[in-house]
Amino acid sequence: MKRIITILVFTVVAQFCLNAQESGRSQIDSPSALTEYVTDETGTLTQTQLVSLRRRLRSFFDSTSTQVVVYMIPSLNGEPIEEAAIKIAVKNKIGRKGSNNGVLLLIAKNDRKLRIEVGYGLEGALTDALSKSIISNVISPSFKAGDYYAGIDKGVSAIISAVKGEYTADNTKYQKAGKDNDYGWLALMIPFGVMGFIIIIIVVGIRKAGKGGYVSGSGYSGYSSYSSSSSYSSSDSYSSSSSSSSDSSFSGGGGDFGGGGASGDW
């Protein structure tokens, strides 16, 4: 009986020491090697959420060659997030070789800190100011509400938009302040305007038919030509891209980072 108790005590102590050693790991001296586009060491995200984010980021890489990687850890153990982020990004060579178009979203959950680390090749598109705006206006509000998946998902969307040149800090503040509601009346009026236009066309057509002036085939043919000539064919290319993204593993080739980006908390 004493032997069993001794073994149990030894096992508990060994596990405690192992956990303490792992929790005290230095990301600066020994940065983690990442194998996925999204890695969560805190157990916060569900498997479904991880798969969705990983496939999305892999698909974005397949179509643009830009790599966005998300890494969530419990704590930085007192290390500055700026130095840890750049060490992790360089270690994993995030981005494509020669382009250095990589982005690391590093989240230290228990420390309530995060950083967007930007490779040299993207500093012109994803500036420090935009990175700060994404953290403050997009990610942090969801994190404060305890919805980490929403914060990461929205943050990834904003990063992708910035890389494409479609995101600006002004637009985010504008929407946050609720100023976009000033044009809500216009959105309501558009459907009524379209319905009115359709009714006018129908009435005119009926009158022409009644007068015998309507000739079969001489009506507006633009719709049929539009339908045949501009069917949305990119769905085929998206399908092929999606199939290739089923393998969500990550492998970097760039890794040239100079400290671009921004840090924040929540």
Protein backbone atom coordinates (compact mmCIF):
# COMPACT_ATOMS: atom_id res chain seq x y z
CA MET A 1 0.00 0.00 0.00
CA LYS A 2 2.83 2.37 0.89
CA ARG A 3 4.49 1.57 -2.41
CA ILE A 4 1.34 2.51 -4.33
CA ILE A 5 1.04 5.78 -2.43
CA THR A 6 4.71 6.54 -3.10
CA ILE A 7 4.24 5.93 -6.83
CA LEU A 8 1.16 8.15 -6.92
CA VAL A 9 2.94 10.96 -5.09
CA PHE A 10 5.94 10.68 -7.40
CA THR A 11 3.66 10.80 -10.48
CA VAL A 12 1.83 13.89 -9.24
CA VAL A 13 5.08 15.71 -8.40
CA ALA A 14 6.63 14.79 -11.76
CA GLN A 15 3.57 16.01 -13.64
CA PHE A 16 3.57 19.24 -11.62
CA CYS A 17 7.22 19.86 -12.44
CA LEU A 18 6.62 19.11 -16.11
CA ASN A 19 3.70 21.54 -16.26
CA ALA A 20 5.68 24.19 -14.43
CA GLN A 21 8.57 23.79 -16.85
CA GLU A 22 6.28 24.00 -19.88
CA SER A 23 4.34 26.98 -18.51
CA GLY A 24 7.62 28.79 -17.92
CA ARG A 25 8.84 28.26 -21.47
CA SER A 26 10.61 31.16 -23.11
CA GLN A 27 9.23 32.04 -26.54
CA ILE A 28 12.24 34.28 -27.04
CA ASP A 29 14.96 31.73 -26.27
CA SER A 30 13.02 28.76 -27.64
CA PRO A 31 10.17 29.87 -29.92
CA SER A 32 7.49 27.31 -30.77
CA ALA A 33 7.55 25.43 -34.06
CA LEU A 34 4.12 25.73 -35.67
CA THR A 35 2.58 23.16 -38.01
CA GLU A 36 -0.90 24.65 -38.48
CA TYR A 37 -2.27 27.99 -39.62
CA VAL A 38 -4.11 28.22 -36.29
CA THR A 39 -2.69 26.79 -33.08
CA ASP A 40 -4.49 27.08 -29.75
CA GLU A 41 -2.57 25.89 -26.70
CA THR A 42 -5.24 27.15 -24.29
CA GLY A 43 -8.08 24.82 -25.30
CA THR A 44 -10.32 27.83 -25.97
CA LEU A 45 -11.36 27.08 -29.55
CA THR A 46 -13.42 24.05 -30.50
CA GLN A 47 -12.21 21.59 -33.11
CA THR A 48 -14.85 22.86 -35.54
CA GLN A 49 -13.68 26.44 -35.06
CA LEU A 50 -10.04 25.44 -35.54
CA VAL A 51 -10.79 23.54 -38.76
CA SER A 52 -12.83 26.45 -40.14
CA LEU A 53 -10.11 29.03 -39.45
CA ARG A 54 -7.31 26.78 -40.69
CA ARG A 55 -9.01 26.02 -43.99
CA ARG A 56 -9.86 29.66 -44.50
CA LEU A 57 -6.27 30.81 -43.99
CA ARG A 58 -4.90 27.97 -46.12
CA SER A 59 -7.31 28.92 -48.89
CA PHE A 60 -6.18 32.55 -48.63
CA PHE A 61 -2.57 31.44 -48.96
CA ASP A 62 -3.38 29.24 -51.96
CA SER A 63 -5.02 32.15 -53.77
CA THR A 64 -2.67 35.00 -52.78
CA SER A 65 0.55 33.41 -51.41
CA THR A 66 0.11 35.56 -48.28
CA GLN A 67 0.38 33.63 -45.02
CA VAL A 68 -1.60 34.66 -41.95
CA VAL A 69 -0.91 32.51 -38.89
CA VAL A 70 -2.73 32.58 -35.54
CA TYR A 71 -1.06 31.38 -32.35
CA MET A 72 -2.80 31.45 -28.94
CA ILE A 73 -0.80 30.63 -25.81
CA PRO A 74 -1.66 30.79 -22.10
CA SER A 75 1.05 33.26 -21.08
CA LEU A 76 4.23 35.02 -22.13
CA ASN A 77 5.70 34.40 -18.67
CA GLY A 78 6.72 38.01 -18.32
CA GLU A 79 8.40 38.32 -21.73
CA PRO A 80 7.58 41.29 -23.98
CA ILE A 81 5.07 40.27 -26.64
CA GLU A 82 6.86 42.30 -29.33
CA GLU A 83 10.09 40.32 -29.00
CA ALA A 84 8.30 36.99 -28.60
CA ALA A 85 6.18 37.58 -31.71
CA ILE A 86 9.09 38.42 -33.96
CA LYS A 87 11.06 35.39 -32.70
CA ILE A 88 8.12 33.07 -33.42
CA ALA A 89 7.50 34.62 -36.84
CA VAL A 90 11.16 34.34 -37.88
CA LYS A 91 11.51 30.82 -36.46
CA ASN A 92 8.56 29.58 -38.53
CA LYS A 93 9.50 31.59 -41.64
CA ILE A 94 5.94 32.87 -42.07
CA GLY A 95 5.37 34.13 -45.61
CA ARG A 96 6.70 33.22 -49.02
CA LYS A 97 10.41 33.23 -49.75
CA GLY A 98 11.42 36.42 -51.54
CA SER A 99 8.12 38.13 -50.73
CA ASN A 100 8.16 38.01 -46.92
CA ASN A 101 4.39 38.41 -46.98
CA GLY A 102 3.59 36.85 -43.64
CA VAL A 103 1.48 37.92 -40.67
CA LEU A 104 1.42 36.48 -37.16
CA LEU A 105 -1.50 37.10 -34.81
CA LEU A 106 -0.11 36.19 -31.38
CA ILE A 107 -2.52 36.00 -28.43
CA ALA A 108 -1.47 35.52 -24.80
CA LYS A 109 -4.84 34.73 -23.24
CA ASN A 110 -4.05 34.85 -19.53
CA ASP A 111 -1.95 37.99 -19.98
CA ARG A 112 -4.76 39.61 -22.00
CA LYS A 113 -2.23 40.74 -24.59
CA LEU A 114 -2.05 40.32 -28.36
CA ARG A 115 0.07 41.43 -31.26
CA ILE A 116 -0.09 41.55 -35.04
CA GLU A 117 3.43 40.98 -36.37
CA VAL A 118 3.84 42.00 -40.03
CA GLY A 119 6.51 40.85 -42.50
CA TYR A 120 8.56 43.34 -44.50
CA GLY A 121 6.65 42.58 -47.69
CA LEU A 122 3.29 43.63 -46.20
CA GLU A 123 4.27 46.68 -44.17
CA GLY A 124 3.03 48.97 -46.94
CA ALA A 125 -0.46 47.42 -46.92
CA LEU A 126 -0.88 46.33 -43.30
CA THR A 127 0.62 49.39 -41.62
CA ASP A 128 1.24 49.89 -37.91
CA ALA A 129 -1.78 52.20 -37.73
CA LEU A 130 -4.09 49.68 -39.40
CA SER A 131 -2.77 46.88 -37.19
CA LYS A 132 -3.50 48.98 -34.11
CA SER A 133 -6.99 49.77 -35.40
CA ILE A 134 -7.74 46.09 -36.03
CA ILE A 135 -6.66 45.21 -32.49
CA SER A 136 -8.55 48.05 -30.79
CA ASN A 137 -11.72 48.18 -32.88
CA VAL A 138 -12.16 44.63 -34.18
CA ILE A 139 -10.51 42.02 -31.97
CA SER A 140 -10.45 43.47 -28.44
CA PRO A 141 -14.22 44.16 -28.14
CA SER A 142 -15.02 40.49 -28.77
CA PHE A 143 -12.26 39.33 -26.43
CA LYS A 144 -13.62 41.59 -23.69
CA ALA A 145 -17.00 39.91 -24.17
CA GLY A 146 -15.36 36.50 -23.80
CA ASP A 147 -15.97 35.51 -27.43
CA TYR A 148 -12.48 34.60 -28.56
CA TYR A 149 -13.52 32.85 -31.75
CA ALA A 150 -15.47 35.91 -32.96
CA GLY A 151 -12.52 38.15 -32.17
CA ILE A 152 -10.08 35.96 -34.07
CA ASP A 153 -12.48 35.44 -36.98
CA LYS A 154 -13.19 39.17 -37.33
CA GLY A 155 -9.51 39.97 -36.87
CA VAL A 156 -8.54 37.56 -39.63
CA SER A 157 -11.15 39.15 -41.92
CA ALA A 158 -9.78 42.63 -41.19
CA ILE A 159 -6.18 41.51 -41.80
CA ILE A 160 -7.15 39.93 -45.11
CA SER A 161 -9.03 43.09 -46.11
CA ALA A 162 -6.04 45.25 -45.21
CA VAL A 163 -3.72 43.08 -47.29
CA LYS A 164 -6.14 43.52 -50.21
CA GLY A 165 -6.26 47.27 -49.64
CA GLU A 166 -9.94 47.18 -48.62
CA TYR A 167 -9.63 48.07 -44.93
CA THR A 168 -8.98 51.50 -43.45
CA ALA A 169 -8.87 52.70 -39.87
CA ASP A 170 -11.26 55.54 -40.72
CA ASN A 171 -13.88 53.12 -42.02
CA THR A 172 -13.76 51.11 -38.83
CA LYS A 173 -14.16 54.16 -36.61
CA TYR A 174 -16.93 55.41 -38.85
CA GLN A 175 -18.90 52.19 -38.44
CA LYS A 176 -18.12 51.97 -34.74
CA ALA A 177 -19.59 55.42 -34.15
CA GLY A 178 -22.78 54.33 -35.90
CA LYS A 179 -22.53 56.99 -38.60
CA ASP A 180 -23.33 54.46 -41.28
CA ASN A 181 -26.90 54.50 -39.97
CA ASP A 182 -27.33 58.00 -41.41
CA TYR A 183 -27.83 56.35 -44.78
CA GLY A 184 -30.25 53.71 -43.58
CA TRP A 185 -33.16 55.47 -45.26
CA LEU A 186 -31.47 55.02 -48.63
CA ALA A 187 -31.29 51.25 -48.15
CA LEU A 188 -35.01 51.20 -47.41
CA MET A 189 -35.94 53.31 -50.43
CA ILE A 190 -34.05 51.24 -53.00
CA PRO A 191 -36.46 48.23 -52.98
CA PHE A 192 -39.47 50.54 -53.39
CA GLY A 193 -37.78 52.34 -56.28
CA VAL A 194 -37.04 49.05 -58.04
CA MET A 195 -40.63 47.86 -57.59
CA GLY A 196 -41.97 51.13 -58.95
CA PHE A 197 -39.72 50.91 -62.01
CA ILE A 198 -40.88 47.34 -62.71
CA ILE A 199 -44.54 48.37 -62.42
CA ILE A 200 -44.02 51.24 -64.91
CA ILE A 201 -42.41 48.87 -67.42
CA ILE A 202 -45.31 46.41 -67.09
CA VAL A 203 -47.92 49.15 -67.55
CA VAL A 204 -46.18 50.55 -70.62
CA GLY A 205 -45.87 47.05 -72.08
CA ILE A 206 -49.57 46.37 -71.56
CA ARG A 207 -50.54 49.64 -73.22
CA LYS A 208 -48.35 48.90 -76.24
CA ALA A 209 -49.83 45.44 -76.55
CA GLY A 210 -53.34 46.89 -76.36
CA LYS A 211 -52.56 49.32 -79.18
CA GLY A 212 -51.03 46.59 -81.34
CA GLY A 213 -47.65 48.30 -81.25
CA TYR A 214 -45.87 45.55 -79.34
CA VAL A 215 -43.76 43.31 -81.56
CA SER A 216 -42.68 39.93 -80.23
CA GLY A 217 -38.93 39.80 -79.65
CA SER A 218 -38.48 43.58 -79.70
CA GLY A 219 -38.67 43.98 -75.95
CA TYR A 220 -35.68 44.55 -73.67
CA SER A 221 -33.24 41.73 -74.34
CA GLY A 222 -30.42 42.85 -72.10
CA TYR A 223 -31.34 40.44 -69.31
CA SER A 224 -30.96 37.35 -71.46
CA SER A 225 -27.64 38.50 -72.88
CA TYR A 226 -26.40 39.31 -69.37
CA SER A 227 -27.43 35.91 -68.09
CA SER A 228 -25.63 34.05 -70.84
CA SER A 229 -22.48 36.12 -70.97
CA SER A 230 -21.76 36.92 -67.34
CA SER A 231 -22.60 33.80 -65.41
CA TYR A 232 -20.34 33.77 -62.35
CA SER A 233 -17.63 31.39 -63.40
CA SER A 234 -15.26 32.02 -60.50
CA SER A 235 -17.18 29.49 -58.44
CA ASP A 236 -15.28 26.80 -60.32
CA SER A 237 -11.93 28.32 -59.41
CA TYR A 238 -13.07 28.73 -55.80
CA SER A 239 -14.03 25.08 -55.66
CA SER A 240 -10.60 24.04 -56.82
CA SER A 241 -9.01 26.36 -54.28
CA SER A 242 -11.22 24.99 -51.53
CA SER A 243 -10.29 21.43 -52.37
CA SER A 244 -6.61 22.22 -52.08
CA SER A 245 -7.22 23.92 -48.73
CA SER A 246 -8.52 20.70 -47.22
CA ASP A 247 -4.90 20.15 -46.15
CA SER A 248 -4.62 22.92 -43.57
CA SER A 249 -1.04 22.24 -42.50
CA PHE A 250 1.35 25.18 -42.42
CA SER A 251 4.82 25.43 -43.86
CA GLY A 252 6.64 28.76 -44.12
CA GLY A 253 9.32 29.93 -46.50
CA GLY A 254 9.82 33.61 -45.73
CA GLY A 255 10.54 34.87 -42.25
CA ASP A 256 11.95 38.36 -42.80
CA PHE A 257 10.38 40.53 -40.09
CA GLY A 258 11.49 43.91 -38.80
CA GLY A 259 9.07 44.68 -36.00
CA GLY A 260 6.21 46.06 -38.09
CA GLY A 261 2.71 45.77 -36.67
CA ALA A 262 1.12 46.66 -33.35
CA SER A 263 0.39 45.35 -29.86
CA GLY A 264 -2.61 45.75 -27.61
CA ASP A 265 -4.67 44.30 -24.78
CA TRP A 266 -8.27 43.84 -23.71
